PDB file of N, CA and C in Angstrom:
ATOM      1  N   UNK A   1       2.480 -29.287 -18.419  1.00  0.00           N
ATOM      2  CA  UNK A   1       2.992 -28.052 -17.881  1.00  0.00           C
ATOM      3  C   UNK A   1       1.961 -27.468 -16.922  1.00  0.00           C
ATOM      4  N   UNK A   2       2.433 -26.934 -15.818  1.00  0.00           N
ATOM      5  CA  UNK A   2       1.563 -26.376 -14.792  1.00  0.00           C
ATOM      6  C   UNK A   2       1.092 -24.986 -15.194  1.00  0.00           C
ATOM      7  N   UNK A   3      -0.142 -24.653 -14.835  1.00  0.00           N
ATOM      8  CA  UNK A   3      -0.678 -23.327 -15.128  1.00  0.00           C
ATOM      9  C   UNK A   3      -0.682 -22.457 -13.889  1.00  0.00           C
ATOM     10  N   UNK A   4       0.085 -22.847 -12.868  1.00  0.00           N
ATOM     11  CA  UNK A   4       0.149 -22.090 -11.628  1.00  0.00           C
ATOM     12  C   UNK A   4       0.872 -20.776 -11.872  1.00  0.00           C
ATOM     13  N   UNK A   5       0.288 -19.680 -11.385  1.00  0.00           N
ATOM     14  CA  UNK A   5       0.925 -18.381 -11.563  1.00  0.00           C
ATOM     15  C   UNK A   5       2.018 -18.190 -10.512  1.00  0.00           C
ATOM     16  N   UNK A   6       3.035 -17.462 -10.871  1.00  0.00           N
ATOM     17  CA  UNK A   6       4.133 -17.145  -9.970  1.00  0.00           C
ATOM     18  C   UNK A   6       4.281 -15.639  -9.894  1.00  0.00           C
ATOM     19  N   UNK A   7       4.806 -15.151  -8.796  1.00  0.00           N
ATOM     20  CA  UNK A   7       5.040 -13.723  -8.597  1.00  0.00           C
ATOM     21  C   UNK A   7       6.465 -13.531  -8.109  1.00  0.00           C
ATOM     22  N   UNK A   8       7.002 -12.330  -8.306  1.00  0.00           N
ATOM     23  CA  UNK A   8       8.347 -11.993  -7.873  1.00  0.00           C
ATOM     24  C   UNK A   8       8.272 -11.015  -6.717  1.00  0.00           C
ATOM     25  N   UNK A   9       8.970 -11.316  -5.632  1.00  0.00           N
ATOM     26  CA  UNK A   9       9.055 -10.409  -4.492  1.00  0.00           C
ATOM     27  C   UNK A   9       9.896  -9.205  -4.912  1.00  0.00           C
ATOM     28  N   UNK A  10       9.362  -7.989  -4.715  1.00  0.00           N
ATOM     29  CA  UNK A  10      10.101  -6.792  -5.115  1.00  0.00           C
ATOM     30  C   UNK A  10      11.289  -6.518  -4.197  1.00  0.00           C
ATOM     31  N   UNK A  11      11.344  -7.183  -3.054  1.00  0.00           N
ATOM     32  CA  UNK A  11      12.466  -7.001  -2.135  1.00  0.00           C
ATOM     33  C   UNK A  11      13.640  -7.893  -2.468  1.00  0.00           C
ATOM     34  N   UNK A  12      13.433  -9.204  -2.457  1.00  0.00           N
ATOM     35  CA  UNK A  12      14.531 -10.156  -2.660  1.00  0.00           C
ATOM     36  C   UNK A  12      14.598 -10.693  -4.080  1.00  0.00           C
ATOM     37  N   UNK A  13      13.598 -10.368  -4.920  1.00  0.00           N
ATOM     38  CA  UNK A  13      13.539 -10.800  -6.314  1.00  0.00           C
ATOM     39  C   UNK A  13      13.379 -12.307  -6.477  1.00  0.00           C
ATOM     40  N   UNK A  14      12.899 -13.011  -5.452  1.00  0.00           N
ATOM     41  CA  UNK A  14      12.644 -14.435  -5.521  1.00  0.00           C
ATOM     42  C   UNK A  14      11.297 -14.680  -6.190  1.00  0.00           C
ATOM     43  N   UNK A  15      11.258 -15.594  -7.127  1.00  0.00           N
ATOM     44  CA  UNK A  15      10.018 -15.965  -7.809  1.00  0.00           C
ATOM     45  C   UNK A  15       9.382 -17.098  -7.019  1.00  0.00           C
ATOM     46  N   UNK A  16       8.122 -16.902  -6.619  1.00  0.00           N
ATOM     47  CA  UNK A  16       7.443 -17.885  -5.783  1.00  0.00           C
ATOM     48  C   UNK A  16       5.931 -17.803  -5.985  1.00  0.00           C
ATOM     49  N   UNK A  17       5.221 -18.660  -5.303  1.00  0.00           N
ATOM     50  CA  UNK A  17       3.761 -18.699  -5.353  1.00  0.00           C
ATOM     51  C   UNK A  17       3.176 -17.461  -4.670  1.00  0.00           C
ATOM     52  N   UNK A  18       2.070 -16.923  -5.184  1.00  0.00           N
ATOM     53  CA  UNK A  18       1.439 -15.778  -4.534  1.00  0.00           C
ATOM     54  C   UNK A  18       0.998 -16.056  -3.096  1.00  0.00           C
ATOM     55  N   UNK A  19       0.816 -17.336  -2.748  1.00  0.00           N
ATOM     56  CA  UNK A  19       0.411 -17.682  -1.386  1.00  0.00           C
ATOM     57  C   UNK A  19       1.488 -17.342  -0.365  1.00  0.00           C
ATOM     58  N   UNK A  20       2.739 -17.201  -0.798  1.00  0.00           N
ATOM     59  CA  UNK A  20       3.833 -16.912   0.117  1.00  0.00           C
ATOM     60  C   UNK A  20       4.180 -15.421   0.155  1.00  0.00           C
ATOM     61  N   UNK A  21       3.425 -14.613  -0.587  1.00  0.00           N
ATOM     62  CA  UNK A  21       3.697 -13.184  -0.687  1.00  0.00           C
ATOM     63  C   UNK A  21       2.476 -12.378  -0.270  1.00  0.00           C
ATOM     64  N   UNK A  22       2.695 -11.107   0.003  1.00  0.00           N
ATOM     65  CA  UNK A  22       1.615 -10.168   0.305  1.00  0.00           C
ATOM     66  C   UNK A  22       1.510  -9.215  -0.878  1.00  0.00           C
ATOM     67  N   UNK A  23       0.296  -9.038  -1.381  1.00  0.00           N
ATOM     68  CA  UNK A  23       0.084  -8.067  -2.462  1.00  0.00           C
ATOM     69  C   UNK A  23      -0.022  -6.689  -1.839  1.00  0.00           C
ATOM     70  N   UNK A  24       0.628  -5.723  -2.447  1.00  0.00           N
ATOM     71  CA  UNK A  24       0.538  -4.341  -2.001  1.00  0.00           C
ATOM     72  C   UNK A  24       0.091  -3.483  -3.170  1.00  0.00           C
ATOM     73  N   UNK A  25      -0.572  -2.408  -2.865  1.00  0.00           N
ATOM     74  CA  UNK A  25      -1.042  -1.465  -3.864  1.00  0.00           C
ATOM     75  C   UNK A  25      -0.932  -0.066  -3.276  1.00  0.00           C
ATOM     76  N   UNK A  26      -1.392   0.941  -3.981  1.00  0.00           N
ATOM     77  CA  UNK A  26      -1.290   2.298  -3.471  1.00  0.00           C
ATOM     78  C   UNK A  26      -2.659   2.850  -3.106  1.00  0.00           C
ATOM     79  N   UNK A  27      -2.616   3.828  -2.231  1.00  0.00           N
ATOM     80  CA  UNK A  27      -3.827   4.546  -1.840  1.00  0.00           C
ATOM     81  C   UNK A  27      -3.463   6.021  -1.831  1.00  0.00           C
ATOM     82  N   UNK A  28      -4.328   6.841  -2.399  1.00  0.00           N
ATOM     83  CA  UNK A  28      -4.053   8.278  -2.463  1.00  0.00           C
ATOM     84  C   UNK A  28      -4.397   8.941  -1.144  1.00  0.00           C
ATOM     85  N   UNK A  29      -3.491   9.780  -0.669  1.00  0.00           N
ATOM     86  CA  UNK A  29      -3.701  10.553   0.553  1.00  0.00           C
ATOM     87  C   UNK A  29      -3.402  12.015   0.254  1.00  0.00           C
ATOM     88  N   UNK A  30      -3.638  12.884   1.214  1.00  0.00           N
ATOM     89  CA  UNK A  30      -3.339  14.301   1.045  1.00  0.00           C
ATOM     90  C   UNK A  30      -1.843  14.536   0.847  1.00  0.00           C
ATOM     91  N   UNK A  31      -1.018  13.642   1.396  1.00  0.00           N
ATOM     92  CA  UNK A  31       0.438  13.764   1.263  1.00  0.00           C
ATOM     93  C   UNK A  31       0.969  13.054   0.014  1.00  0.00           C
ATOM     94  N   UNK A  32       0.103  12.485  -0.781  1.00  0.00           N
ATOM     95  CA  UNK A  32       0.518  11.749  -1.980  1.00  0.00           C
ATOM     96  C   UNK A  32       0.232  10.269  -1.818  1.00  0.00           C
ATOM     97  N   UNK A  33       0.554   9.477  -2.834  1.00  0.00           N
ATOM     98  CA  UNK A  33       0.265   8.042  -2.768  1.00  0.00           C
ATOM     99  C   UNK A  33       1.126   7.326  -1.740  1.00  0.00           C
ATOM    100  N   UNK A  34       0.533   6.353  -1.067  1.00  0.00           N
ATOM    101  CA  UNK A  34       1.284   5.536  -0.120  1.00  0.00           C
ATOM    102  C   UNK A  34       0.976   4.068  -0.366  1.00  0.00           C
ATOM    103  N   UNK A  35       1.913   3.225  -0.017  1.00  0.00           N
ATOM    104  CA  UNK A  35       1.793   1.789  -0.221  1.00  0.00           C
ATOM    105  C   UNK A  35       0.999   1.183   0.934  1.00  0.00           C
ATOM    106  N   UNK A  36       0.023   0.343   0.601  1.00  0.00           N
ATOM    107  CA  UNK A  36      -0.772  -0.356   1.617  1.00  0.00           C
ATOM    108  C   UNK A  36      -0.868  -1.834   1.256  1.00  0.00           C
ATOM    109  N   UNK A  37      -0.984  -2.664   2.269  1.00  0.00           N
ATOM    110  CA  UNK A  37      -1.137  -4.103   2.057  1.00  0.00           C
ATOM    111  C   UNK A  37      -2.554  -4.398   1.580  1.00  0.00           C
ATOM    112  N   UNK A  38      -2.673  -5.247   0.589  1.00  0.00           N
ATOM    113  CA  UNK A  38      -3.961  -5.694   0.065  1.00  0.00           C
ATOM    114  C   UNK A  38      -4.130  -7.151   0.478  1.00  0.00           C
ATOM    115  N   UNK A  39      -4.444  -7.365   1.745  1.00  0.00           N
ATOM    116  CA  UNK A  39      -4.480  -8.711   2.312  1.00  0.00           C
ATOM    117  C   UNK A  39      -5.514  -9.615   1.658  1.00  0.00           C
ATOM    118  N   UNK A  40      -6.618  -9.030   1.215  1.00  0.00           N
ATOM    119  CA  UNK A  40      -7.678  -9.828   0.597  1.00  0.00           C
ATOM    120  C   UNK A  40      -7.556  -9.870  -0.920  1.00  0.00           C
ATOM    121  N   UNK A  41      -6.561  -9.190  -1.450  1.00  0.00           N
ATOM    122  CA  UNK A  41      -6.278  -9.172  -2.891  1.00  0.00           C
ATOM    123  C   UNK A  41      -7.489  -8.745  -3.711  1.00  0.00           C
ATOM    124  N   UNK A  42      -8.179  -7.724  -3.225  1.00  0.00           N
ATOM    125  CA  UNK A  42      -9.378  -7.251  -3.909  1.00  0.00           C
ATOM    126  C   UNK A  42      -9.293  -5.800  -4.333  1.00  0.00           C
ATOM    127  N   UNK A  43      -8.276  -5.075  -3.875  1.00  0.00           N
ATOM    128  CA  UNK A  43      -8.153  -3.665  -4.229  1.00  0.00           C
ATOM    129  C   UNK A  43      -7.745  -3.547  -5.694  1.00  0.00           C
ATOM    130  N   UNK A  44      -8.264  -2.534  -6.349  1.00  0.00           N
ATOM    131  CA  UNK A  44      -7.967  -2.348  -7.763  1.00  0.00           C
ATOM    132  C   UNK A  44      -6.624  -1.682  -7.984  1.00  0.00           C
ATOM    133  N   UNK A  45      -6.264  -1.588  -9.226  1.00  0.00           N
ATOM    134  CA  UNK A  45      -5.046  -0.881  -9.594  1.00  0.00           C
ATOM    135  C   UNK A  45      -3.822  -1.774  -9.657  1.00  0.00           C
ATOM    136  N   UNK A  46      -2.724  -1.145 -10.007  1.00  0.00           N
ATOM    137  CA  UNK A  46      -1.443  -1.833 -10.131  1.00  0.00           C
ATOM    138  C   UNK A  46      -1.040  -2.384  -8.773  1.00  0.00           C
ATOM    139  N   UNK A  47      -0.502  -3.566  -8.759  1.00  0.00           N
ATOM    140  CA  UNK A  47      -0.071  -4.192  -7.518  1.00  0.00           C
ATOM    141  C   UNK A  47       1.374  -4.637  -7.601  1.00  0.00           C
ATOM    142  N   UNK A  48       1.963  -4.867  -6.455  1.00  0.00           N
ATOM    143  CA  UNK A  48       3.306  -5.428  -6.345  1.00  0.00           C
ATOM    144  C   UNK A  48       3.241  -6.497  -5.267  1.00  0.00           C
ATOM    145  N   UNK A  49       4.245  -7.350  -5.218  1.00  0.00           N
ATOM    146  CA  UNK A  49       4.246  -8.474  -4.287  1.00  0.00           C
ATOM    147  C   UNK A  49       5.524  -8.454  -3.476  1.00  0.00           C
ATOM    148  N   UNK A  50       5.419  -8.758  -2.184  1.00  0.00           N
ATOM    149  CA  UNK A  50       6.580  -8.750  -1.301  1.00  0.00           C
ATOM    150  C   UNK A  50       6.379  -9.800  -0.214  1.00  0.00           C
ATOM    151  N   UNK A  51       7.474 -10.440   0.219  1.00  0.00           N
ATOM    152  CA  UNK A  51       7.401 -11.324   1.382  1.00  0.00           C
ATOM    153  C   UNK A  51       7.082 -10.474   2.602  1.00  0.00           C
ATOM    154  N   UNK A  52       6.326 -11.000   3.523  1.00  0.00           N
ATOM    155  CA  UNK A  52       5.973 -10.270   4.743  1.00  0.00           C
ATOM    156  C   UNK A  52       7.079 -10.428   5.777  1.00  0.00           C
ATOM    157  N   UNK A  53       8.299 -10.063   5.387  1.00  0.00           N
ATOM    158  CA  UNK A  53       9.434 -10.090   6.306  1.00  0.00           C
ATOM    159  C   UNK A  53      10.056  -8.713   6.344  1.00  0.00           C
ATOM    160  N   UNK A  54      10.647  -8.376   7.464  1.00  0.00           N
ATOM    161  CA  UNK A  54      11.308  -7.071   7.589  1.00  0.00           C
ATOM    162  C   UNK A  54      12.406  -6.911   6.544  1.00  0.00           C
ATOM    163  N   UNK A  55      13.140  -7.990   6.292  1.00  0.00           N
ATOM    164  CA  UNK A  55      14.252  -7.916   5.350  1.00  0.00           C
ATOM    165  C   UNK A  55      13.759  -7.541   3.946  1.00  0.00           C
ATOM    166  N   UNK A  56      12.728  -8.189   3.470  1.00  0.00           N
ATOM    167  CA  UNK A  56      12.236  -7.921   2.119  1.00  0.00           C
ATOM    168  C   UNK A  56      11.603  -6.537   2.007  1.00  0.00           C
ATOM    169  N   UNK A  57      10.816  -6.145   2.999  1.00  0.00           N
ATOM    170  CA  UNK A  57      10.189  -4.823   2.967  1.00  0.00           C
ATOM    171  C   UNK A  57      11.262  -3.743   3.039  1.00  0.00           C
ATOM    172  N   UNK A  58      12.236  -3.890   3.955  1.00  0.00           N
ATOM    173  CA  UNK A  58      13.306  -2.896   4.069  1.00  0.00           C
ATOM    174  C   UNK A  58      14.131  -2.809   2.791  1.00  0.00           C
ATOM    175  N   UNK A  59      14.432  -3.961   2.202  1.00  0.00           N
ATOM    176  CA  UNK A  59      15.220  -3.971   0.965  1.00  0.00           C
ATOM    177  C   UNK A  59      14.449  -3.298  -0.164  1.00  0.00           C
ATOM    178  N   UNK A  60      13.147  -3.556  -0.257  1.00  0.00           N
ATOM    179  CA  UNK A  60      12.327  -2.931  -1.301  1.00  0.00           C
ATOM    180  C   UNK A  60      12.287  -1.415  -1.129  1.00  0.00           C
ATOM    181  N   UNK A  61      12.203  -0.949   0.112  1.00  0.00           N
ATOM    182  CA  UNK A  61      12.203   0.492   0.377  1.00  0.00           C
ATOM    183  C   UNK A  61      13.565   1.072   0.015  1.00  0.00           C
ATOM    184  N   UNK A  62      14.635   0.412   0.454  1.00  0.00           N
ATOM    185  CA  UNK A  62      15.997   0.890   0.201  1.00  0.00           C
ATOM    186  C   UNK A  62      16.311   0.971  -1.298  1.00  0.00           C
ATOM    187  N   UNK A  63      15.856  -0.030  -2.057  1.00  0.00           N
ATOM    188  CA  UNK A  63      16.122  -0.077  -3.494  1.00  0.00           C
ATOM    189  C   UNK A  63      15.098   0.719  -4.307  1.00  0.00           C
ATOM    190  N   UNK A  64      14.128   1.331  -3.623  1.00  0.00           N
ATOM    191  CA  UNK A  64      13.043   2.083  -4.269  1.00  0.00           C
ATOM    192  C   UNK A  64      12.246   1.220  -5.241  1.00  0.00           C
ATOM    193  N   UNK A  65      12.102  -0.043  -4.885  1.00  0.00           N
ATOM    194  CA  UNK A  65      11.389  -0.996  -5.738  1.00  0.00           C
ATOM    195  C   UNK A  65       9.900  -0.667  -5.834  1.00  0.00           C
ATOM    196  N   UNK A  66       9.321  -0.136  -4.760  1.00  0.00           N
ATOM    197  CA  UNK A  66       7.899   0.225  -4.812  1.00  0.00           C
ATOM    198  C   UNK A  66       7.688   1.380  -5.789  1.00  0.00           C
ATOM    199  N   UNK A  67       8.606   2.340  -5.800  1.00  0.00           N
ATOM    200  CA  UNK A  67       8.497   3.457  -6.748  1.00  0.00           C
ATOM    201  C   UNK A  67       8.522   2.943  -8.184  1.00  0.00           C
ATOM    202  N   UNK A  68       9.402   2.010  -8.474  1.00  0.00           N
ATOM    203  CA  UNK A  68       9.471   1.448  -9.827  1.00  0.00           C
ATOM    204  C   UNK A  68       8.224   0.628 -10.150  1.00  0.00           C
ATOM    205  N   UNK A  69       7.763  -0.165  -9.196  1.00  0.00           N
ATOM    206  CA  UNK A  69       6.587  -1.007  -9.432  1.00  0.00           C
ATOM    207  C   UNK A  69       5.342  -0.186  -9.723  1.00  0.00           C
ATOM    208  N   UNK A  70       5.189   0.914  -8.988  1.00  0.00           N
ATOM    209  CA  UNK A  70       3.981   1.730  -9.153  1.00  0.00           C
ATOM    210  C   UNK A  70       4.184   2.896 -10.110  1.00  0.00           C
ATOM    211  N   UNK A  71       5.404   3.013 -10.646  1.00  0.00           N
ATOM    212  CA  UNK A  71       5.726   4.043 -11.633  1.00  0.00           C
ATOM    213  C   UNK A  71       5.451   5.444 -11.137  1.00  0.00           C
ATOM    214  N   UNK A  72       5.639   5.655  -9.847  1.00  0.00           N
ATOM    215  CA  UNK A  72       5.481   6.975  -9.240  1.00  0.00           C
ATOM    216  C   UNK A  72       6.158   6.971  -7.879  1.00  0.00           C
ATOM    217  N   UNK A  73       6.404   8.132  -7.337  1.00  0.00           N
ATOM    218  CA  UNK A  73       6.991   8.222  -5.997  1.00  0.00           C
ATOM    219  C   UNK A  73       5.910   7.905  -4.969  1.00  0.00           C
ATOM    220  N   UNK A  74       6.194   6.937  -4.101  1.00  0.00           N
ATOM    221  CA  UNK A  74       5.236   6.523  -3.084  1.00  0.00           C
ATOM    222  C   UNK A  74       5.917   6.508  -1.722  1.00  0.00           C
ATOM    223  N   UNK A  75       5.122   6.606  -0.674  1.00  0.00           N
ATOM    224  CA  UNK A  75       5.612   6.496   0.690  1.00  0.00           C
ATOM    225  C   UNK A  75       5.305   5.092   1.183  1.00  0.00           C
ATOM    226  N   UNK A  76       6.315   4.409   1.712  1.00  0.00           N
ATOM    227  CA  UNK A  76       6.123   3.031   2.163  1.00  0.00           C
ATOM    228  C   UNK A  76       6.166   2.902   3.679  1.00  0.00           C
ATOM    229  N   UNK A  77       6.309   4.010   4.400  1.00  0.00           N
ATOM    230  CA  UNK A  77       6.374   3.952   5.855  1.00  0.00           C
ATOM    231  C   UNK A  77       5.104   3.323   6.439  1.00  0.00           C
ATOM    232  N   UNK A  78       3.962   3.651   5.873  1.00  0.00           N
ATOM    233  CA  UNK A  78       2.699   3.103   6.371  1.00  0.00           C
ATOM    234  C   UNK A  78       2.669   1.581   6.200  1.00  0.00           C
ATOM    235  N   UNK A  79       3.250   1.079   5.125  1.00  0.00           N
ATOM    236  CA  UNK A  79       3.289  -0.368   4.898  1.00  0.00           C
ATOM    237  C   UNK A  79       4.084  -1.061   5.983  1.00  0.00           C
ATOM    238  N   UNK A  80       5.220  -0.500   6.337  1.00  0.00           N
ATOM    239  CA  UNK A  80       6.049  -1.093   7.385  1.00  0.00           C
ATOM    240  C   UNK A  80       5.274  -1.173   8.691  1.00  0.00           C
ATOM    241  N   UNK A  81       4.562  -0.112   9.025  1.00  0.00           N
ATOM    242  CA  UNK A  81       3.752  -0.113  10.245  1.00  0.00           C
ATOM    243  C   UNK A  81       2.595  -1.097  10.141  1.00  0.00           C
ATOM    244  N   UNK A  82       1.965  -1.160   8.972  1.00  0.00           N
ATOM    245  CA  UNK A  82       0.822  -2.044   8.777  1.00  0.00           C
ATOM    246  C   UNK A  82       1.243  -3.512   8.868  1.00  0.00           C
ATOM    247  N   UNK A  83       2.390  -3.852   8.304  1.00  0.00           N
ATOM    248  CA  UNK A  83       2.849  -5.236   8.321  1.00  0.00           C
ATOM    249  C   UNK A  83       3.493  -5.635   9.651  1.00  0.00           C
ATOM    250  N   UNK A  84       3.869  -4.657  10.464  1.00  0.00           N
ATOM    251  CA  UNK A  84       4.503  -4.962  11.746  1.00  0.00           C
ATOM    252  C   UNK A  84       3.636  -5.891  12.585  1.00  0.00           C
ATOM    253  N   UNK A  85       2.336  -5.755  12.487  1.00  0.00           N
ATOM    254  CA  UNK A  85       1.411  -6.618  13.215  1.00  0.00           C
ATOM    255  C   UNK A  85       1.490  -8.041  12.673  1.00  0.00           C
ATOM    256  N   UNK A  86       1.667  -8.177  11.362  1.00  0.00           N
ATOM    257  CA  UNK A  86       1.692  -9.491  10.724  1.00  0.00           C
ATOM    258  C   UNK A  86       3.063 -10.159  10.760  1.00  0.00           C
ATOM    259  N   UNK A  87       4.129  -9.380  10.865  1.00  0.00           N
ATOM    260  CA  UNK A  87       5.480  -9.918  10.699  1.00  0.00           C
ATOM    261  C   UNK A  87       5.847 -11.060  11.624  1.00  0.00           C
ATOM    262  N   UNK A  88       5.593 -11.010  12.928  1.00  0.00           N
ATOM    263  CA  UNK A  88       6.017 -12.134  13.764  1.00  0.00           C
ATOM    264  C   UNK A  88       5.428 -13.459  13.306  1.00  0.00           C
ATOM    265  N   UNK A  89       4.144 -13.488  12.985  1.00  0.00           N
ATOM    266  CA  UNK A  89       3.508 -14.728  12.542  1.00  0.00           C
ATOM    267  C   UNK A  89       3.992 -15.107  11.149  1.00  0.00           C
ATOM    268  N   UNK A  90       4.094 -14.148  10.255  1.00  0.00           N
ATOM    269  CA  UNK A  90       4.495 -14.434   8.885  1.00  0.00           C
ATOM    270  C   UNK A  90       5.945 -14.899   8.808  1.00  0.00           C
ATOM    271  N   UNK A  91       6.854 -14.294   9.574  1.00  0.00           N
ATOM    272  CA  UNK A  91       8.249 -14.688   9.521  1.00  0.00           C
ATOM    273  C   UNK A  91       8.428 -16.124   9.981  1.00  0.00           C
ATOM    274  N   UNK A  92       7.730 -16.522  11.033  1.00  0.00           N
ATOM    275  CA  UNK A  92       7.826 -17.894  11.508  1.00  0.00           C
ATOM    276  C   UNK A  92       7.313 -18.873  10.463  1.00  0.00           C
ATOM    277  N   UNK A  93       6.202 -18.533   9.811  1.00  0.00           N
ATOM    278  CA  UNK A  93       5.646 -19.405   8.785  1.00  0.00           C
ATOM    279  C   UNK A  93       6.568 -19.470   7.578  1.00  0.00           C
ATOM    280  N   UNK A  94       7.167 -18.345   7.185  1.00  0.00           N
ATOM    281  CA  UNK A  94       8.040 -18.312   6.014  1.00  0.00           C
ATOM    282  C   UNK A  94       9.275 -19.177   6.242  1.00  0.00           C
ATOM    283  N   UNK A  95       9.891 -19.077   7.405  1.00  0.00           N
ATOM    284  CA  UNK A  95      11.071 -19.876   7.705  1.00  0.00           C
ATOM    285  C   UNK A  95      10.721 -21.359   7.752  1.00  0.00           C
ATOM    286  N   UNK A  96       9.576 -21.675   8.329  1.00  0.00           N
ATOM    287  CA  UNK A  96       9.150 -23.068   8.438  1.00  0.00           C
ATOM    288  C   UNK A  96       8.931 -23.667   7.052  1.00  0.00           C
ATOM    289  N   UNK A  97       8.321 -22.906   6.150  1.00  0.00           N
ATOM    290  CA  UNK A  97       8.041 -23.443   4.824  1.00  0.00           C
ATOM    291  C   UNK A  97       9.330 -23.677   4.043  1.00  0.00           C
ATOM    292  N   UNK A  98      10.384 -22.911   4.319  1.00  0.00           N
ATOM    293  CA  UNK A  98      11.654 -23.107   3.631  1.00  0.00           C
ATOM    294  C   UNK A  98      12.351 -24.378   4.084  1.00  0.00           C
ATOM    295  N   UNK A  99      12.077 -24.831   5.323  1.00  0.00           N
ATOM    296  CA  UNK A  99      12.784 -25.986   5.849  1.00  0.00           C
ATOM    297  C   UNK A  99      11.941 -27.261   5.846  1.00  0.00           C
ATOM    298  N   UNK A 100      10.790 -27.235   5.191  1.00  0.00           N
ATOM    299  CA  UNK A 100       9.944 -28.419   5.140  1.00  0.00           C
ATOM    300  C   UNK A 100      10.647 -29.541   4.383  1.00  0.00           C
ATOM    301  N   UNK A 101      10.216 -30.747   4.614  1.00  0.00           N
ATOM    302  CA  UNK A 101      10.804 -31.901   3.946  1.00  0.00           C
ATOM    303  C   UNK A 101      10.155 -32.177   2.597  1.00  0.00           C
ATOM    304  N   UNK A 102       9.357 -31.247   2.078  1.00  0.00           N
ATOM    305  CA  UNK A 102       8.766 -31.303   0.755  1.00  0.00           C
ATOM    306  C   UNK A 102       8.128 -32.645   0.427  1.00  0.00           C
ATOM    307  N   UNK A 103       7.071 -32.959   1.139  1.00  0.00           N
ATOM    308  CA  UNK A 103       6.280 -34.132   0.811  1.00  0.00           C
ATOM    309  C   UNK A 103       6.655 -35.392   1.545  1.00  0.00           C
ATOM    310  N   UNK A 104       7.721 -35.379   2.321  1.00  0.00           N
ATOM    311  CA  UNK A 104       8.085 -36.573   3.070  1.00  0.00           C
ATOM    312  C   UNK A 104       7.143 -36.717   4.249  1.00  0.00           C
ATOM    313  N   UNK A 105       6.707 -37.904   4.576  1.00  0.00           N
ATOM    314  CA  UNK A 105       5.834 -38.084   5.730  1.00  0.00           C
ATOM    315  C   UNK A 105       6.559 -37.718   7.018  1.00  0.00           C
ATOM    316  N   UNK A 106       5.807 -37.275   7.991  1.00  0.00           N
ATOM    317  CA  UNK A 106       6.405 -36.838   9.258  1.00  0.00           C
ATOM    318  C   UNK A 106       7.178 -37.968   9.933  1.00  0.00           C
ATOM    319  N   UNK A 107       6.726 -39.191   9.798  1.00  0.00           N
ATOM    320  CA  UNK A 107       7.383 -40.307  10.459  1.00  0.00           C
ATOM    321  C   UNK A 107       8.722 -40.675   9.813  1.00  0.00           C
ATOM    322  N   UNK A 108       8.988 -40.174   8.611  1.00  0.00           N
ATOM    323  CA  UNK A 108      10.221 -40.522   7.908  1.00  0.00           C
ATOM    324  C   UNK A 108      11.454 -39.960   8.610  1.00  0.00           C
ATOM    325  N   UNK A 109      11.296 -38.878   9.369  1.00  0.00           N
ATOM    326  CA  UNK A 109      12.431 -38.248  10.037  1.00  0.00           C
ATOM    327  C   UNK A 109      12.760 -38.891  11.376  1.00  0.00           C
ATOM    328  N   UNK A 110      11.965 -39.829  11.833  1.00  0.00           N
ATOM    329  CA  UNK A 110      12.178 -40.437  13.166  1.00  0.00           C
ATOM    330  C   UNK A 110      13.159 -41.553  13.118  1.00  0.00           C
TER     331      UNK A 110
END
């Protein structure tokens, strides 16, 4: 049995490897707690995981999944802005990984 850890995306509820998700946590501000990306996975406190795609982030905001994950009302607008820089590269990588031939050599498709 594998000891690999798995995480669930709070947006689409897909269970996958942490390498395919972005960890998010909260940071306290004068306006209250807000969700921030923990790209280096070193920030303390409760964390949640989400795919770095607009669809998953928007769905998590719409379903108030971040509020449930952090057990408090949080603002996620900053997260959307923070991930906007990463989204074009991450979305292309995410789609590519879904369509890989899963271990088949590159020459097998020729």
